[in-house]
C-alpha atoms as a PDB file:
ATOM      1  CA  MET A   1      -0.075  -0.142   0.083  1.00  0.00           C
ATOM      2  CA  ASN A   2       1.041   3.554  -0.728  1.00  0.00           C
ATOM      3  CA  ARG A   3       2.071   5.642   2.186  1.00  0.00           C
ATOM      4  CA  PRO A   4      -0.004   8.989   2.544  1.00  0.00           C
ATOM      5  CA  LEU A   5       0.527  11.648   0.137  1.00  0.00           C
ATOM      6  CA  ASP A   6       2.068  15.039   1.428  1.00  0.00           C
ATOM      7  CA  LEU A   7      -0.161  17.798   0.422  1.00  0.00           C
ATOM      8  CA  GLY A   8       2.135  20.534   0.988  1.00  0.00           C
ATOM      9  CA  THR A   9       1.462  23.892   2.265  1.00  0.00           C
ATOM     10  CA  PRO A  10       0.876  27.340   0.784  1.00  0.00           C
ATOM     11  CA  GLU A  11       3.497  29.011   3.063  1.00  0.00           C
ATOM     12  CA  GLN A  12       6.124  26.566   1.909  1.00  0.00           C
ATOM     13  CA  PHE A  13       5.033  26.803  -1.633  1.00  0.00           C
ATOM     14  CA  ARG A  14       4.822  30.592  -2.234  1.00  0.00           C
ATOM     15  CA  GLN A  15       8.608  31.199  -2.926  1.00  0.00           C
ATOM     16  CA  PRO A  16      10.064  33.352  -5.753  1.00  0.00           C
ATOM     17  CA  ARG A  17      11.029  31.091  -8.695  1.00  0.00           C
ATOM     18  CA  GLN A  18      10.967  31.400 -12.409  1.00  0.00           C
ATOM     19  CA  LEU A  19       7.805  29.430 -13.187  1.00  0.00           C
ATOM     20  CA  ASP A  20       4.709  27.697 -11.602  1.00  0.00           C
ATOM     21  CA  VAL A  21       2.356  25.389 -13.444  1.00  0.00           C
ATOM     22  CA  LEU A  22      -1.199  25.762 -12.322  1.00  0.00           C
ATOM     23  CA  ILE A  23      -3.667  22.826 -13.069  1.00  0.00           C
ATOM     24  CA  PRO A  24      -7.293  22.873 -12.131  1.00  0.00           C
ATOM     25  CA  THR A  25      -8.856  19.349 -12.143  1.00  0.00           C
ATOM     26  CA  ARG A  26     -11.963  17.573 -11.461  1.00  0.00           C
ATOM     27  CA  ASN A  27     -13.023  13.907 -11.828  1.00  0.00           C
ATOM     28  CA  ARG A  28      -9.941  13.045 -14.186  1.00  0.00           C
ATOM     29  CA  PRO A  29      -7.518  10.830 -12.056  1.00  0.00           C
ATOM     30  CA  ALA A  30      -6.103   9.050 -15.317  1.00  0.00           C
ATOM     31  CA  GLU A  31      -5.741  12.327 -17.440  1.00  0.00           C
ATOM     32  CA  LEU A  32      -4.229  14.211 -14.502  1.00  0.00           C
ATOM     33  CA  ALA A  33      -1.581  11.349 -14.065  1.00  0.00           C
ATOM     34  CA  VAL A  34      -0.689  11.787 -17.843  1.00  0.00           C
ATOM     35  CA  THR A  35      -0.488  15.569 -17.584  1.00  0.00           C
ATOM     36  CA  LEU A  36       1.873  15.240 -14.300  1.00  0.00           C
ATOM     37  CA  SER A  37       3.961  12.742 -16.415  1.00  0.00           C
ATOM     38  CA  GLY A  38       4.559  15.175 -19.061  1.00  0.00           C
ATOM     39  CA  LEU A  39       5.814  17.672 -16.662  1.00  0.00           C
ATOM     40  CA  ALA A  40       8.042  15.169 -14.821  1.00  0.00           C
ATOM     41  CA  ALA A  41       9.551  14.712 -18.120  1.00  0.00           C
ATOM     42  CA  GLN A  42      10.448  18.233 -18.764  1.00  0.00           C
ATOM     43  CA  ASP A  43      14.045  19.610 -19.030  1.00  0.00           C
ATOM     44  CA  GLY A  44      15.660  22.825 -19.517  1.00  0.00           C
ATOM     45  CA  VAL A  45      13.614  24.716 -16.988  1.00  0.00           C
ATOM     46  CA  PRO A  46      15.012  23.376 -13.542  1.00  0.00           C
ATOM     47  CA  ASP A  47      13.203  26.055 -11.516  1.00  0.00           C
ATOM     48  CA  PHE A  48       9.462  25.241 -11.715  1.00  0.00           C
ATOM     49  CA  GLY A  49       6.640  24.333  -9.283  1.00  0.00           C
ATOM     50  CA  VAL A  50       3.277  22.856  -9.758  1.00  0.00           C
ATOM     51  CA  VAL A  51      -0.081  23.565  -8.116  1.00  0.00           C
ATOM     52  CA  VAL A  52      -2.942  21.023  -8.557  1.00  0.00           C
ATOM     53  CA  SER A  53      -6.428  22.061  -7.377  1.00  0.00           C
ATOM     54  CA  ASP A  54      -8.983  19.481  -7.197  1.00  0.00           C
ATOM     55  CA  GLN A  55     -12.773  19.761  -7.558  1.00  0.00           C
ATOM     56  CA  SER A  56     -13.832  16.301  -7.888  1.00  0.00           C
ATOM     57  CA  ASP A  57     -16.961  14.826  -6.827  1.00  0.00           C
ATOM     58  CA  ALA A  58     -15.276  12.204  -4.674  1.00  0.00           C
ATOM     59  CA  GLU A  59     -11.778  11.443  -3.594  1.00  0.00           C
ATOM     60  CA  PRO A  60      -9.214  13.994  -5.024  1.00  0.00           C
ATOM     61  CA  ALA A  61      -7.790  12.794  -8.193  1.00  0.00           C
ATOM     62  CA  TYR A  62      -4.156  13.376  -7.035  1.00  0.00           C
ATOM     63  CA  LEU A  63      -4.647  10.617  -4.532  1.00  0.00           C
ATOM     64  CA  GLN A  64      -5.082   8.005  -7.208  1.00  0.00           C
ATOM     65  CA  PRO A  65      -1.775   5.854  -7.297  1.00  0.00           C
ATOM     66  CA  ALA A  66      -0.717   6.911 -10.901  1.00  0.00           C
ATOM     67  CA  ALA A  67      -1.064  10.631 -10.105  1.00  0.00           C
ATOM     68  CA  ALA A  68       0.280  10.355  -6.729  1.00  0.00           C
ATOM     69  CA  THR A  69       3.327   8.588  -8.199  1.00  0.00           C
ATOM     70  CA  MET A  70       3.935  11.631 -10.687  1.00  0.00           C
ATOM     71  CA  VAL A  71       3.708  14.006  -7.816  1.00  0.00           C
ATOM     72  CA  ARG A  72       6.224  12.194  -6.009  1.00  0.00           C
ATOM     73  CA  ALA A  73       8.423  12.021  -9.178  1.00  0.00           C
ATOM     74  CA  LEU A  74       8.089  15.847  -9.615  1.00  0.00           C
ATOM     75  CA  ARG A  75       9.421  16.428  -6.152  1.00  0.00           C
ATOM     76  CA  HIS A  76      12.228  13.707  -6.517  1.00  0.00           C
ATOM     77  CA  ARG A  77      13.327  15.914  -9.450  1.00  0.00           C
ATOM     78  CA  GLY A  78      13.299  19.020  -7.273  1.00  0.00           C
ATOM     79  CA  HIS A  79       9.874  20.491  -8.270  1.00  0.00           C
ATOM     80  CA  PRO A  80       7.805  21.612  -5.259  1.00  0.00           C
ATOM     81  CA  VAL A  81       4.196  20.523  -5.669  1.00  0.00           C
ATOM     82  CA  LEU A  82       1.185  21.937  -3.818  1.00  0.00           C
ATOM     83  CA  LEU A  83      -2.040  19.950  -3.616  1.00  0.00           C
ATOM     84  CA  ALA A  84      -5.439  21.436  -2.771  1.00  0.00           C
ATOM     85  CA  ARG A  85      -9.064  21.059  -2.689  1.00  0.00           C
ATOM     86  CA  ARG A  86     -11.206  24.019  -3.885  1.00  0.00           C
ATOM     87  CA  LEU A  87     -14.898  23.253  -2.766  1.00  0.00           C
ATOM     88  CA  PRO A  88     -17.603  24.411  -3.097  1.00  0.00           C
ATOM     89  CA  ARG A  89     -17.113  24.845  -6.842  1.00  0.00           C
ATOM     90  CA  ARG A  90     -17.844  28.528  -7.770  1.00  0.00           C
ATOM     91  CA  GLY A  91     -16.934  28.145 -11.603  1.00  0.00           C
ATOM     92  CA  LEU A  92     -13.877  27.912 -13.717  1.00  0.00           C
ATOM     93  CA  ALA A  93     -12.896  31.503 -13.280  1.00  0.00           C
ATOM     94  CA  GLU A  94     -12.994  31.478  -9.555  1.00  0.00           C
ATOM     95  CA  HIS A  95     -11.081  28.175  -9.628  1.00  0.00           C
ATOM     96  CA  ARG A  96      -8.357  29.756 -11.870  1.00  0.00           C
ATOM     97  CA  ALA A  97      -8.166  32.789  -9.713  1.00  0.00           C
ATOM     98  CA  TYR A  98      -7.470  30.580  -6.618  1.00  0.00           C
ATOM     99  CA  LEU A  99      -4.621  28.924  -8.400  1.00  0.00           C
ATOM    100  CA  LEU A 100      -3.069  32.080  -9.430  1.00  0.00           C
ATOM    101  CA  SER A 101      -3.131  33.471  -5.788  1.00  0.00           C
ATOM    102  CA  ARG A 102      -1.037  30.330  -4.995  1.00  0.00           C
ATOM    103  CA  SER A 103       1.967  31.660  -6.785  1.00  0.00           C
ATOM    104  CA  VAL A 104       4.542  34.389  -6.755  1.00  0.00           C
ATOM    105  CA  ALA A 105       6.606  33.023  -9.728  1.00  0.00           C
ATOM    106  CA  ARG A 106       7.597  35.293 -12.512  1.00  0.00           C
ATOM    107  CA  TYR A 107       5.651  33.221 -14.973  1.00  0.00           C
ATOM    108  CA  VAL A 108       2.680  30.856 -14.596  1.00  0.00           C
ATOM    109  CA  LEU A 109       1.417  28.310 -17.086  1.00  0.00           C
ATOM    110  CA  CYS A 110      -2.224  27.696 -16.933  1.00  0.00           C
ATOM    111  CA  LEU A 111      -2.332  23.914 -18.077  1.00  0.00           C
ATOM    112  CA  ASP A 112      -5.460  22.071 -18.323  1.00  0.00           C
ATOM    113  CA  ASP A 113      -5.710  18.599 -16.652  1.00  0.00           C
ATOM    114  CA  ASP A 114      -6.049  16.665 -20.034  1.00  0.00           C
ATOM    115  CA  VAL A 115      -2.874  17.932 -21.869  1.00  0.00           C
ATOM    116  CA  TRP A 116       0.332  16.005 -22.290  1.00  0.00           C
ATOM    117  CA  LEU A 117       3.493  18.271 -22.868  1.00  0.00           C
ATOM    118  CA  GLU A 118       6.234  16.703 -24.790  1.00  0.00           C
ATOM    119  CA  PRO A 119       9.943  17.303 -23.452  1.00  0.00           C
ATOM    120  CA  GLY A 120      11.154  20.585 -24.185  1.00  0.00           C
ATOM    121  CA  THR A 121       7.797  22.342 -24.139  1.00  0.00           C
ATOM    122  CA  LEU A 122       8.306  24.347 -20.927  1.00  0.00           C
ATOM    123  CA  SER A 123      11.891  25.473 -22.043  1.00  0.00           C
ATOM    124  CA  ARG A 124      10.670  26.782 -25.533  1.00  0.00           C
ATOM    125  CA  LEU A 125       7.648  28.593 -24.023  1.00  0.00           C
ATOM    126  CA  VAL A 126       9.796  30.286 -21.191  1.00  0.00           C
ATOM    127  CA  THR A 127      12.509  31.322 -23.999  1.00  0.00           C
ATOM    128  CA  ALA A 128       9.575  32.590 -26.361  1.00  0.00           C
ATOM    129  CA  ILE A 129       8.054  34.742 -23.593  1.00  0.00           C
ATOM    130  CA  ARG A 130      11.458  36.116 -22.585  1.00  0.00           C
ATOM    131  CA  GLU A 131      12.445  37.118 -26.090  1.00  0.00           C
ATOM    132  CA  LEU A 132       9.094  38.606 -26.956  1.00  0.00           C
ATOM    133  CA  GLY A 133       8.361  40.451 -23.653  1.00  0.00           C
ATOM    134  CA  CYS A 134       4.582  40.118 -24.298  1.00  0.00           C
ATOM    135  CA  GLY A 135       1.965  39.290 -21.842  1.00  0.00           C
ATOM    136  CA  PHE A 136       1.354  35.454 -22.721  1.00  0.00           C
ATOM    137  CA  VAL A 137       2.652  32.899 -25.117  1.00  0.00           C
ATOM    138  CA  GLY A 138       0.807  29.527 -25.663  1.00  0.00           C
ATOM    139  CA  ASN A 139       0.909  26.236 -27.302  1.00  0.00           C
ATOM    140  CA  ALA A 140      -2.352  25.303 -28.918  1.00  0.00           C
ATOM    141  CA  VAL A 141      -3.128  21.464 -28.347  1.00  0.00           C
ATOM    142  CA  HIS A 142      -3.186  19.011 -30.987  1.00  0.00           C
ATOM    143  CA  GLY A 143      -5.895  16.399 -31.373  1.00  0.00           C
ATOM    144  CA  LEU A 144      -3.974  13.642 -32.884  1.00  0.00           C
ATOM    145  CA  SER A 145      -7.092  11.623 -33.822  1.00  0.00           C
ATOM    146  CA  TYR A 146      -7.332  14.378 -36.600  1.00  0.00           C
ATOM    147  CA  ALA A 147      -3.996  14.046 -37.851  1.00  0.00           C
ATOM    148  CA  ASP A 148      -5.065  12.440 -41.135  1.00  0.00           C
ATOM    149  CA  ASP A 149      -7.783  15.278 -41.302  1.00  0.00           C
ATOM    150  CA  VAL A 150      -6.078  18.204 -43.439  1.00  0.00           C
ATOM    151  CA  ARG A 151      -8.212  21.400 -43.659  1.00  0.00           C
ATOM    152  CA  PRO A 152      -6.036  23.812 -45.769  1.00  0.00           C
ATOM    153  CA  GLU A 153      -8.857  26.315 -45.818  1.00  0.00           C
ATOM    154  CA  THR A 154      -8.059  26.990 -42.033  1.00  0.00           C
ATOM    155  CA  HIS A 155      -4.312  27.571 -42.786  1.00  0.00           C
ATOM    156  CA  VAL A 156      -4.934  31.087 -44.128  1.00  0.00           C
ATOM    157  CA  HIS A 157      -5.488  32.325 -40.653  1.00  0.00           C
ATOM    158  CA  TYR A 158      -1.825  31.695 -39.747  1.00  0.00           C
ATOM    159  CA  GLU A 159       0.233  34.907 -39.699  1.00  0.00           C
ATOM    160  CA  GLU A 160       3.657  35.198 -37.887  1.00  0.00           C
ATOM    161  CA  TRP A 161       4.602  38.219 -36.005  1.00  0.00           C
ATOM    162  CA  ASP A 162       7.260  40.408 -37.533  1.00  0.00           C
ATOM    163  CA  GLY A 163       8.984  41.416 -34.478  1.00  0.00           C
ATOM    164  CA  PRO A 164       7.539  41.510 -30.727  1.00  0.00           C
ATOM    165  CA  PRO A 165       3.867  41.285 -30.469  1.00  0.00           C
ATOM    166  CA  VAL A 166       2.043  44.354 -29.778  1.00  0.00           C
ATOM    167  CA  PRO A 167      -1.255  45.168 -27.810  1.00  0.00           C
ATOM    168  CA  GLU A 168      -4.288  44.250 -30.033  1.00  0.00           C
ATOM    169  CA  ARG A 169      -8.133  44.638 -29.258  1.00  0.00           C
ATOM    170  CA  VAL A 170      -9.642  41.628 -30.587  1.00  0.00           C
ATOM    171  CA  ARG A 171     -13.248  41.301 -30.695  1.00  0.00           C
ATOM    172  CA  PRO A 172     -15.886  38.888 -32.312  1.00  0.00           C
ATOM    173  CA  GLY A 173     -16.677  39.924 -35.913  1.00  0.00           C
ATOM    174  CA  THR A 174     -13.286  41.089 -36.774  1.00  0.00           C
ATOM    175  CA  PRO A 175     -10.721  39.400 -38.857  1.00  0.00           C
ATOM    176  CA  GLU A 176      -8.579  38.925 -35.810  1.00  0.00           C
ATOM    177  CA  TRP A 177     -11.156  36.881 -34.206  1.00  0.00           C
ATOM    178  CA  HIS A 178     -11.127  34.252 -36.896  1.00  0.00           C
ATOM    179  CA  ARG A 179      -7.539  33.428 -36.297  1.00  0.00           C
ATOM    180  CA  ALA A 180      -8.919  30.803 -33.799  1.00  0.00           C
ATOM    181  CA  ALA A 181      -9.872  28.586 -36.691  1.00  0.00           C
ATOM    182  CA  ILE A 182      -6.153  27.483 -36.830  1.00  0.00           C
ATOM    183  CA  HIS A 183      -6.270  25.706 -33.481  1.00  0.00           C
ATOM    184  CA  PRO A 184      -8.950  22.962 -33.609  1.00  0.00           C
ATOM    185  CA  ALA A 185      -8.306  19.274 -34.536  1.00  0.00           C
ATOM    186  CA  ALA A 186      -4.870  19.007 -35.899  1.00  0.00           C
ATOM    187  CA  ASN A 187      -4.676  22.169 -37.977  1.00  0.00           C
ATOM    188  CA  LEU A 188      -1.724  23.737 -36.206  1.00  0.00           C
ATOM    189  CA  LEU A 189       0.351  20.473 -36.684  1.00  0.00           C
ATOM    190  CA  HIS A 190      -0.215  20.563 -40.454  1.00  0.00           C
ATOM    191  CA  VAL A 191       0.730  24.042 -40.632  1.00  0.00           C
ATOM    192  CA  THR A 192       3.905  23.396 -38.706  1.00  0.00           C
ATOM    193  CA  GLU A 193       4.718  20.464 -40.920  1.00  0.00           C
ATOM    194  CA  LYS A 194       4.562  22.687 -44.079  1.00  0.00           C
ATOM    195  CA  LEU A 195       7.127  25.201 -42.421  1.00  0.00           C
ATOM    196  CA  ARG A 196       9.655  22.483 -41.954  1.00  0.00           C
ATOM    197  CA  LEU A 197      11.524  24.460 -39.245  1.00  0.00           C
ATOM    198  CA  PRO A 198      15.067  23.366 -38.357  1.00  0.00           C
ATOM    199  CA  ALA A 199      15.564  21.715 -35.188  1.00  0.00           C
ATOM    200  CA  GLY A 200      15.236  24.015 -32.030  1.00  0.00           C
ATOM    201  CA  ALA A 201      13.749  26.814 -34.171  1.00  0.00           C
ATOM    202  CA  TRP A 202      10.231  28.243 -33.204  1.00  0.00           C
ATOM    203  CA  ARG A 203       7.949  30.818 -34.630  1.00  0.00           C
ATOM    204  CA  ALA A 204       5.499  33.434 -32.864  1.00  0.00           C
ATOM    205  CA  TYR A 205       2.242  33.930 -34.476  1.00  0.00           C
ATOM    206  CA  LYS A 206      -0.806  36.142 -34.095  1.00  0.00           C
ATOM    207  CA  VAL A 207      -3.852  34.452 -32.135  1.00  0.00           C
ATOM    208  CA  SER A 208      -7.322  35.296 -30.970  1.00  0.00           C
ATOM    209  CA  TRP A 209      -6.943  33.109 -28.040  1.00  0.00           C
ATOM    210  CA  ILE A 210      -5.313  29.680 -27.212  1.00  0.00           C
ATOM    211  CA  GLY A 211      -6.857  26.962 -25.029  1.00  0.00           C
ATOM    212  CA  GLY A 212      -5.240  24.433 -22.801  1.00  0.00           C
ATOM    213  CA  CYS A 213      -1.583  25.553 -22.393  1.00  0.00           C
ATOM    214  CA  VAL A 214      -0.883  29.261 -22.007  1.00  0.00           C
ATOM    215  CA  LEU A 215       2.166  30.844 -20.234  1.00  0.00           C
ATOM    216  CA  TYR A 216       1.476  34.191 -18.743  1.00  0.00           C
ATOM    217  CA  ASP A 217       3.925  36.970 -17.388  1.00  0.00           C
ATOM    218  CA  ARG A 218       2.123  36.836 -13.816  1.00  0.00           C
ATOM    219  CA  ALA A 219       2.452  40.478 -13.193  1.00  0.00           C
ATOM    220  CA  LYS A 220       1.075  41.317 -16.554  1.00  0.00           C
ATOM    221  CA  LEU A 221      -1.837  38.936 -16.154  1.00  0.00           C
ATOM    222  CA  ILE A 222      -2.624  40.562 -12.783  1.00  0.00           C
ATOM    223  CA  ASP A 223      -2.213  44.075 -14.193  1.00  0.00           C
ATOM    224  CA  SER A 224      -4.946  43.183 -16.678  1.00  0.00           C
ATOM    225  CA  GLY A 225      -7.354  41.826 -14.045  1.00  0.00           C
ATOM    226  CA  GLY A 226      -6.264  38.103 -13.777  1.00  0.00           C
ATOM    227  CA  PHE A 227      -9.349  36.002 -13.357  1.00  0.00           C
ATOM    228  CA  GLU A 228     -10.894  38.311 -10.928  1.00  0.00           C
ATOM    229  CA  PHE A 229     -13.921  38.774 -13.147  1.00  0.00           C
ATOM    230  CA  TRP A 230     -15.294  35.551 -11.708  1.00  0.00           C
ATOM    231  CA  ARG A 231     -17.556  37.730  -9.555  1.00  0.00           C
ATOM    232  CA  GLN A 232     -19.265  39.152 -12.671  1.00  0.00           C
ATOM    233  CA  VAL A 233     -20.272  35.758 -14.259  1.00  0.00           C
ATOM    234  CA  HIS A 234     -22.559  32.955 -13.227  1.00  0.00           C
ATOM    235  CA  GLU A 235     -20.716  29.946 -12.043  1.00  0.00           C
ATOM    236  CA  ARG A 236     -22.016  27.856 -14.837  1.00  0.00           C
ATOM    237  CA  HIS A 237     -19.750  29.458 -17.486  1.00  0.00           C
ATOM    238  CA  GLN A 238     -16.831  28.555 -19.884  1.00  0.00           C
ATOM    239  CA  GLY A 239     -14.539  30.777 -21.915  1.00  0.00           C
ATOM    240  CA  GLU A 240     -12.692  32.218 -18.744  1.00  0.00           C
ATOM    241  CA  ASP A 241      -9.319  31.641 -20.480  1.00  0.00           C
ATOM    242  CA  VAL A 242     -10.589  33.688 -23.607  1.00  0.00           C
ATOM    243  CA  ALA A 243     -11.609  36.410 -21.222  1.00  0.00           C
ATOM    244  CA  ALA A 244      -8.427  36.823 -19.549  1.00  0.00           C
ATOM    245  CA  GLN A 245      -6.314  36.526 -22.654  1.00  0.00           C
ATOM    246  CA  LEU A 246      -8.372  39.325 -24.440  1.00  0.00           C
ATOM    247  CA  ALA A 247      -7.711  41.448 -21.590  1.00  0.00           C
ATOM    248  CA  VAL A 248      -3.729  40.602 -21.496  1.00  0.00           C
ATOM    249  CA  MET A 249      -3.650  40.999 -25.216  1.00  0.00           C
ATOM    250  CA  ALA A 250      -5.190  44.520 -25.140  1.00  0.00           C
ATOM    251  CA  ARG A 251      -2.699  45.814 -22.712  1.00  0.00           C
ATOM    252  CA  HIS A 252       0.611  43.596 -23.199  1.00  0.00           C
ATOM    253  CA  GLY A 253      -0.025  41.663 -26.475  1.00  0.00           C
ATOM    254  CA  GLY A 254       0.161  37.768 -26.833  1.00  0.00           C
ATOM    255  CA  ALA A 255       1.353  35.014 -29.119  1.00  0.00           C
ATOM    256  CA  GLY A 256       1.037  31.493 -30.220  1.00  0.00           C
ATOM    257  CA  VAL A 257       4.193  29.683 -30.483  1.00  0.00           C
ATOM    258  CA  LEU A 258       4.890  26.731 -32.955  1.00  0.00           C
ATOM    259  CA  PRO A 259       5.924  24.015 -32.863  1.00  0.00           C
ATOM    260  CA  SER A 260       3.484  23.175 -30.175  1.00  0.00           C
ATOM    261  CA  GLY A 261       4.438  20.439 -27.683  1.00  0.00           C
ATOM    262  CA  ALA A 262       1.011  20.144 -26.375  1.00  0.00           C
ATOM    263  CA  TYR A 263      -1.421  17.177 -27.118  1.00  0.00           C
ATOM    264  CA  HIS A 264      -4.900  17.045 -26.087  1.00  0.00           C
ATOM    265  CA  LEU A 265      -5.998  13.760 -24.480  1.00  0.00           C
ATOM    266  CA  GLU A 266      -9.544  14.211 -26.194  1.00  0.00           C
ATOM    267  CA  SER A 267     -11.232  12.846 -23.146  1.00  0.00           C
ATOM    268  CA  PRO A 268     -14.893  13.939 -22.632  1.00  0.00           C
ATOM    269  CA  THR A 269     -15.297  17.137 -21.099  1.00  0.00           C
ATOM    270  CA  THR A 270     -16.039  17.383 -17.261  1.00  0.00           C
ATOM    271  CA  VAL A 271     -17.529  20.922 -17.835  1.00  0.00           C
ATOM    272  CA  THR A 272     -21.125  20.031 -18.615  1.00  0.00           C
ATOM    273  CA  GLU A 273     -22.931  23.107 -17.352  1.00  0.00           C
ATOM    274  CA  ARG A 274     -22.043  25.853 -19.947  1.00  0.00           C
ATOM    275  CA  ASP A 275     -24.855  28.247 -19.595  1.00  0.00           C
ATOM    276  CA  VAL A 276     -22.677  31.480 -20.088  1.00  0.00           C
ATOM    277  CA  GLU A 277     -19.488  32.643 -22.050  1.00  0.00           C
ATOM    278  CA  ALA A 278     -17.470  34.359 -19.585  1.00  0.00           C
ATOM    279  CA  TRP A 279     -15.742  36.427 -22.403  1.00  0.00           C
ATOM    280  CA  GLU A 280     -19.237  37.689 -23.570  1.00  0.00           C
ATOM    281  CA  VAL A 281     -20.024  39.090 -20.126  1.00  0.00           C
ATOM    282  CA  VAL A 282     -16.484  40.587 -19.557  1.00  0.00           C
ATOM    283  CA  LEU A 283     -16.375  42.197 -22.982  1.00  0.00           C
ATOM    284  CA  THR A 284     -20.005  43.618 -22.576  1.00  0.00           C
ATOM    285  CA  ASP A 285     -18.878  45.288 -19.354  1.00  0.00           C
ATOM    286  CA  THR A 286     -15.548  46.596 -20.620  1.00  0.00           C
ATOM    287  CA  ASP A 287     -16.771  47.754 -23.833  1.00  0.00           C
ATOM    288  CA  THR A 288     -20.026  49.729 -22.494  1.00  0.00           C
ATOM    289  CA  PRO A 289     -19.169  53.317 -22.261  1.00  0.00           C
ATOM    290  CA  GLN A 290     -18.980  54.442 -18.656  1.00  0.00           C
ATOM    291  CA  PRO A 291     -20.879  57.685 -17.558  1.00  0.00           C
ATOM    292  CA  ALA A 292     -18.782  60.905 -17.435  1.00  0.00           C
END
């Protein structure tokens, strides 16, 4: 029988470091184990910690043997791990706000609990955000079951940044909003294959938003409001990541990075109550003229 798993304490975890990975999870013990295994195999970024916050209906996913072993593997490799429960559930944005509050790192990676990162991914993302100096960079996730489903009509939305990203005000109905078409299925994988980049090379491209794996400059994320808009939206929402990224992009700019080392596990969603798009509420509030 496994020995009890040390959950860690917020006081011990909140230390200045280069990067913290923030993972919200619910009812996904197998997927969480795979996600943590990808982090345990990262190299080139020795100074990173991991926060896992669980909202499972029953026992926390990180107590399952496979996930617990990956927690121990991360700690064995020198990466502090904080494990927490965040109940009752108040929505995705509140959960991300809670995770963000656990960190004082220079950068924070918001990583979904169903994404496997290939070795070298963290190093490439950290290199990119340092060189670009923008508010966030991200790796759109590949759905490998679509690897043979080539959709060339979506590739026209790929546009590289010529120099550092600049702030952009991206809104529905604009050409910039349609950049999101490059990310579903395996579209970005096919674009990357056509580029034939040499080993170690990467490119920054223009985005509307990125799901699943986004690295923020923590100070710039907080300057843009973080996820504190959770108080404005009904708890049965989705699109909280879109809302945060649009705010950061408007102030500090953002970019996608390819090649992407993020792979979607393509498991059924655990977000079944999606009555509201958080970004719609936030954009309505921010775009409404205020009284003089």
